[in-house]
Amino acid sequence: MNKRDHKLAALKKMLTVPGGCPQCPVSDAELCGLLDKYGEVRAAAYAACVRLSESTSMRLPGGGATPDQSGYWLRLARLYRPDYSRHVGRADDA
């Protein structure tokens, strides 16, 4: 397993709903795109959770709907949110 595969496996594990469907709700292609865009697993997980929180209810045939899971995904996103409060040095202090 190469480094990218390890990152993908870690990201899938972070997004798997415990006690729910054993599969990650985001495709491998989308997860790889998020890893490419953000470069780190936690930032990619945060972006995936925010995206999942936006559309979690599905209409079913016969007029029913699946339960809205947006609150779950937003709580999970808070766990993975990148820390932007760190001190950033001045550009001319290099």
N, C-alpha and C. Protein backbone atom coordinates (compact mmCIF):
# COMPACT_ATOMS: atom_id res chain seq x y z
N MET A 1 0.84 -1.18 0.00
CA MET A 1 0.00 0.00 0.00
C MET A 1 0.89 1.25 0.00
N ASN A 2 0.62 2.16 -0.92
CA ASN A 2 1.40 3.39 -0.94
C ASN A 2 0.78 4.44 -0.02
N LYS A 3 1.43 5.58 0.06
CA LYS A 3 0.99 6.63 0.99
C LYS A 3 -0.41 7.13 0.66
N ARG A 4 -0.71 7.26 -0.64
CA ARG A 4 -2.03 7.74 -1.06
C ARG A 4 -3.12 6.75 -0.64
N ASP A 5 -2.84 5.45 -0.78
CA ASP A 5 -3.81 4.43 -0.38
C ASP A 5 -4.07 4.47 1.12
N HIS A 6 -3.02 4.72 1.89
CA HIS A 6 -3.18 4.83 3.35
C HIS A 6 -4.06 6.05 3.70
N LYS A 7 -3.82 7.16 3.01
CA LYS A 7 -4.63 8.36 3.26
C LYS A 7 -6.09 8.11 2.88
N LEU A 8 -6.30 7.44 1.75
CA LEU A 8 -7.66 7.15 1.30
C LEU A 8 -8.36 6.23 2.30
N ALA A 9 -7.66 5.21 2.78
CA ALA A 9 -8.25 4.28 3.75
C ALA A 9 -8.58 5.01 5.06
N ALA A 10 -7.71 5.89 5.50
CA ALA A 10 -7.96 6.65 6.73
C ALA A 10 -9.16 7.57 6.55
N LEU A 11 -9.27 8.21 5.40
CA LEU A 11 -10.39 9.11 5.13
C LEU A 11 -11.70 8.34 5.07
N LYS A 12 -11.70 7.18 4.45
CA LYS A 12 -12.91 6.36 4.39
C LYS A 12 -13.35 5.94 5.79
N LYS A 13 -12.39 5.59 6.63
CA LYS A 13 -12.71 5.18 8.00
C LYS A 13 -13.31 6.34 8.78
N MET A 14 -12.81 7.55 8.56
CA MET A 14 -13.32 8.72 9.26
C MET A 14 -14.76 9.04 8.85
N LEU A 15 -15.15 8.66 7.64
CA LEU A 15 -16.47 9.00 7.13
C LEU A 15 -17.47 7.85 7.17
N THR A 16 -17.08 6.72 7.72
CA THR A 16 -18.00 5.58 7.84
C THR A 16 -18.86 5.77 9.08
N VAL A 17 -20.16 5.65 8.90
CA VAL A 17 -21.10 5.86 10.00
C VAL A 17 -21.11 4.63 10.90
N PRO A 18 -20.75 4.78 12.18
CA PRO A 18 -20.78 3.62 13.08
C PRO A 18 -22.21 3.14 13.28
N GLY A 19 -22.40 1.85 13.19
CA GLY A 19 -23.73 1.27 13.38
C GLY A 19 -24.64 1.45 12.18
N GLY A 20 -24.14 2.11 11.15
CA GLY A 20 -24.93 2.33 9.95
C GLY A 20 -24.40 1.48 8.81
N CYS A 21 -24.49 2.02 7.64
CA CYS A 21 -23.98 1.34 6.45
C CYS A 21 -22.47 1.19 6.57
N PRO A 22 -21.94 -0.01 6.32
CA PRO A 22 -20.50 -0.22 6.49
C PRO A 22 -19.65 0.44 5.42
N GLN A 23 -20.28 1.07 4.44
CA GLN A 23 -19.53 1.73 3.37
C GLN A 23 -19.48 3.23 3.58
N CYS A 24 -18.43 3.83 3.09
CA CYS A 24 -18.29 5.28 3.13
C CYS A 24 -19.33 5.88 2.17
N PRO A 25 -20.02 6.95 2.57
CA PRO A 25 -21.06 7.53 1.72
C PRO A 25 -20.53 8.38 0.56
N VAL A 26 -19.22 8.47 0.41
CA VAL A 26 -18.61 9.26 -0.66
C VAL A 26 -17.78 8.31 -1.52
N SER A 27 -17.83 8.49 -2.82
CA SER A 27 -17.09 7.59 -3.73
C SER A 27 -15.59 7.79 -3.59
N ASP A 28 -14.84 6.77 -3.97
CA ASP A 28 -13.38 6.84 -3.93
C ASP A 28 -12.86 7.98 -4.80
N ALA A 29 -13.48 8.18 -5.96
CA ALA A 29 -13.04 9.24 -6.87
C ALA A 29 -13.19 10.62 -6.20
N GLU A 30 -14.32 10.83 -5.54
CA GLU A 30 -14.53 12.11 -4.84
C GLU A 30 -13.54 12.28 -3.70
N LEU A 31 -13.29 11.21 -2.96
CA LEU A 31 -12.34 11.28 -1.84
C LEU A 31 -10.93 11.58 -2.35
N CYS A 32 -10.54 10.96 -3.45
CA CYS A 32 -9.22 11.24 -4.02
C CYS A 32 -9.13 12.69 -4.48
N GLY A 33 -10.22 13.21 -5.04
CA GLY A 33 -10.25 14.61 -5.44
C GLY A 33 -10.09 15.54 -4.25
N LEU A 34 -10.75 15.21 -3.14
CA LEU A 34 -10.63 16.02 -1.93
C LEU A 34 -9.21 15.94 -1.36
N LEU A 35 -8.62 14.76 -1.39
CA LEU A 35 -7.23 14.61 -0.92
C LEU A 35 -6.27 15.42 -1.79
N ASP A 36 -6.50 15.41 -3.09
CA ASP A 36 -5.66 16.20 -3.99
C ASP A 36 -5.83 17.69 -3.73
N LYS A 37 -7.06 18.11 -3.49
CA LYS A 37 -7.34 19.53 -3.29
C LYS A 37 -6.79 20.04 -1.95
N TYR A 38 -6.99 19.28 -0.88
CA TYR A 38 -6.63 19.76 0.46
C TYR A 38 -5.29 19.24 0.97
N GLY A 39 -4.81 18.13 0.43
CA GLY A 39 -3.49 17.64 0.78
C GLY A 39 -3.37 16.87 2.08
N GLU A 40 -4.30 17.02 2.98
CA GLU A 40 -4.24 16.29 4.25
C GLU A 40 -5.58 15.65 4.55
N VAL A 41 -5.54 14.58 5.30
CA VAL A 41 -6.72 13.76 5.54
C VAL A 41 -7.78 14.51 6.34
N ARG A 42 -7.38 15.21 7.41
CA ARG A 42 -8.37 15.90 8.25
C ARG A 42 -9.10 17.00 7.48
N ALA A 43 -8.39 17.76 6.67
CA ALA A 43 -9.02 18.82 5.89
C ALA A 43 -9.97 18.23 4.86
N ALA A 44 -9.59 17.12 4.25
CA ALA A 44 -10.46 16.45 3.28
C ALA A 44 -11.70 15.89 3.97
N ALA A 45 -11.52 15.34 5.17
CA ALA A 45 -12.66 14.82 5.94
C ALA A 45 -13.62 15.95 6.30
N TYR A 46 -13.07 17.10 6.70
CA TYR A 46 -13.91 18.26 7.03
C TYR A 46 -14.75 18.66 5.82
N ALA A 47 -14.10 18.78 4.66
CA ALA A 47 -14.82 19.18 3.45
C ALA A 47 -15.89 18.16 3.08
N ALA A 48 -15.58 16.88 3.22
CA ALA A 48 -16.55 15.83 2.90
C ALA A 48 -17.74 15.89 3.85
N CYS A 49 -17.49 16.11 5.13
CA CYS A 49 -18.58 16.20 6.11
C CYS A 49 -19.49 17.39 5.83
N VAL A 50 -18.90 18.52 5.49
CA VAL A 50 -19.71 19.70 5.16
C VAL A 50 -20.55 19.42 3.93
N ARG A 51 -19.96 18.79 2.93
CA ARG A 51 -20.71 18.45 1.72
C ARG A 51 -21.84 17.47 2.03
N LEU A 52 -21.57 16.48 2.86
CA LEU A 52 -22.60 15.50 3.21
C LEU A 52 -23.72 16.14 4.03
N SER A 53 -23.42 17.16 4.80
CA SER A 53 -24.44 17.80 5.62
C SER A 53 -25.44 18.59 4.77
N GLU A 54 -25.05 18.93 3.56
CA GLU A 54 -25.91 19.75 2.70
C GLU A 54 -27.02 18.95 2.05
N SER A 55 -26.82 17.67 1.84
CA SER A 55 -27.86 16.88 1.17
C SER A 55 -27.90 15.48 1.76
N THR A 56 -28.65 15.32 2.84
CA THR A 56 -28.67 14.01 3.49
C THR A 56 -30.02 13.33 3.45
N SER A 57 -31.06 14.03 3.11
CA SER A 57 -32.39 13.42 3.07
C SER A 57 -32.72 13.04 1.63
N MET A 58 -33.28 11.84 1.44
CA MET A 58 -33.66 11.39 0.10
C MET A 58 -35.15 11.10 0.08
N ARG A 59 -35.76 11.45 -1.02
CA ARG A 59 -37.18 11.10 -1.23
C ARG A 59 -37.26 9.65 -1.70
N LEU A 60 -38.19 8.92 -1.13
CA LEU A 60 -38.39 7.53 -1.50
C LEU A 60 -39.67 7.37 -2.31
N PRO A 61 -39.73 6.34 -3.14
CA PRO A 61 -40.97 6.09 -3.87
C PRO A 61 -42.11 5.88 -2.88
N GLY A 62 -43.23 6.42 -3.17
CA GLY A 62 -44.38 6.29 -2.28
C GLY A 62 -44.53 7.49 -1.35
N GLY A 63 -43.70 8.50 -1.51
CA GLY A 63 -43.86 9.73 -0.74
C GLY A 63 -43.06 9.84 0.53
N GLY A 64 -42.37 8.79 0.95
CA GLY A 64 -41.57 8.85 2.17
C GLY A 64 -40.22 9.51 1.94
N ALA A 65 -39.48 9.64 3.01
CA ALA A 65 -38.13 10.22 2.92
C ALA A 65 -37.24 9.59 3.99
N THR A 66 -35.96 9.56 3.73
CA THR A 66 -35.01 9.07 4.72
C THR A 66 -34.80 10.16 5.76
N PRO A 67 -34.39 9.81 6.97
CA PRO A 67 -34.16 10.83 7.99
C PRO A 67 -33.02 11.77 7.60
N ASP A 68 -33.15 13.01 8.01
CA ASP A 68 -32.12 14.02 7.74
C ASP A 68 -30.95 13.79 8.68
N GLN A 69 -29.77 13.63 8.14
CA GLN A 69 -28.56 13.37 8.92
C GLN A 69 -27.62 14.58 8.96
N SER A 70 -28.10 15.75 8.57
CA SER A 70 -27.21 16.91 8.46
C SER A 70 -26.57 17.27 9.80
N GLY A 71 -27.29 17.14 10.90
CA GLY A 71 -26.72 17.44 12.21
C GLY A 71 -25.56 16.54 12.55
N TYR A 72 -25.67 15.28 12.21
CA TYR A 72 -24.57 14.33 12.45
C TYR A 72 -23.32 14.76 11.69
N TRP A 73 -23.49 15.07 10.41
CA TRP A 73 -22.33 15.42 9.58
C TRP A 73 -21.72 16.75 10.02
N LEU A 74 -22.53 17.68 10.47
CA LEU A 74 -21.98 18.94 10.96
C LEU A 74 -21.21 18.76 12.26
N ARG A 75 -21.72 17.91 13.15
CA ARG A 75 -20.97 17.61 14.39
C ARG A 75 -19.64 16.94 14.07
N LEU A 76 -19.66 16.02 13.12
CA LEU A 76 -18.42 15.35 12.73
C LEU A 76 -17.46 16.34 12.06
N ALA A 77 -17.99 17.26 11.27
CA ALA A 77 -17.15 18.27 10.62
C ALA A 77 -16.43 19.11 11.67
N ARG A 78 -17.10 19.43 12.77
CA ARG A 78 -16.45 20.21 13.84
C ARG A 78 -15.24 19.48 14.41
N LEU A 79 -15.31 18.15 14.46
CA LEU A 79 -14.17 17.38 14.96
C LEU A 79 -12.96 17.46 14.03
N TYR A 80 -13.22 17.54 12.74
CA TYR A 80 -12.15 17.50 11.75
C TYR A 80 -11.75 18.89 11.24
N ARG A 81 -12.43 19.93 11.70
CA ARG A 81 -12.15 21.28 11.20
C ARG A 81 -10.68 21.63 11.42
N PRO A 82 -10.03 22.12 10.35
CA PRO A 82 -8.62 22.51 10.50
C PRO A 82 -8.47 23.66 11.50
N ASP A 83 -7.35 23.69 12.17
CA ASP A 83 -7.07 24.74 13.16
C ASP A 83 -6.40 25.91 12.46
N TYR A 84 -7.15 26.98 12.29
CA TYR A 84 -6.61 28.17 11.65
C TYR A 84 -6.19 29.22 12.67
N SER A 85 -6.17 28.85 13.94
CA SER A 85 -5.84 29.83 14.97
C SER A 85 -4.35 29.88 15.28
N ARG A 86 -3.57 29.06 14.60
CA ARG A 86 -2.13 29.07 14.84
C ARG A 86 -1.50 30.37 14.41
N HIS A 87 -0.41 30.72 15.04
CA HIS A 87 0.31 31.93 14.68
C HIS A 87 0.96 31.75 13.32
N VAL A 88 0.77 32.71 12.47
CA VAL A 88 1.39 32.67 11.15
C VAL A 88 2.48 33.73 11.15
N GLY A 89 3.67 33.30 10.82
CA GLY A 89 4.81 34.24 10.80
C GLY A 89 4.70 35.23 9.66
N ARG A 90 5.46 36.29 9.78
CA ARG A 90 5.47 37.31 8.73
C ARG A 90 6.24 36.78 7.54
N ALA A 91 5.83 37.19 6.36
CA ALA A 91 6.48 36.75 5.13
C ALA A 91 7.91 37.28 5.02
N ASP A 92 8.17 38.46 5.59
CA ASP A 92 9.51 39.04 5.45
C ASP A 92 10.45 38.59 6.57
N ASP A 93 10.01 37.67 7.44
CA ASP A 93 10.85 37.14 8.50
C ASP A 93 11.52 35.82 8.13
N ALA A 94 11.53 35.49 6.87
CA ALA A 94 12.07 34.20 6.43
C ALA A 94 13.52 34.05 6.62
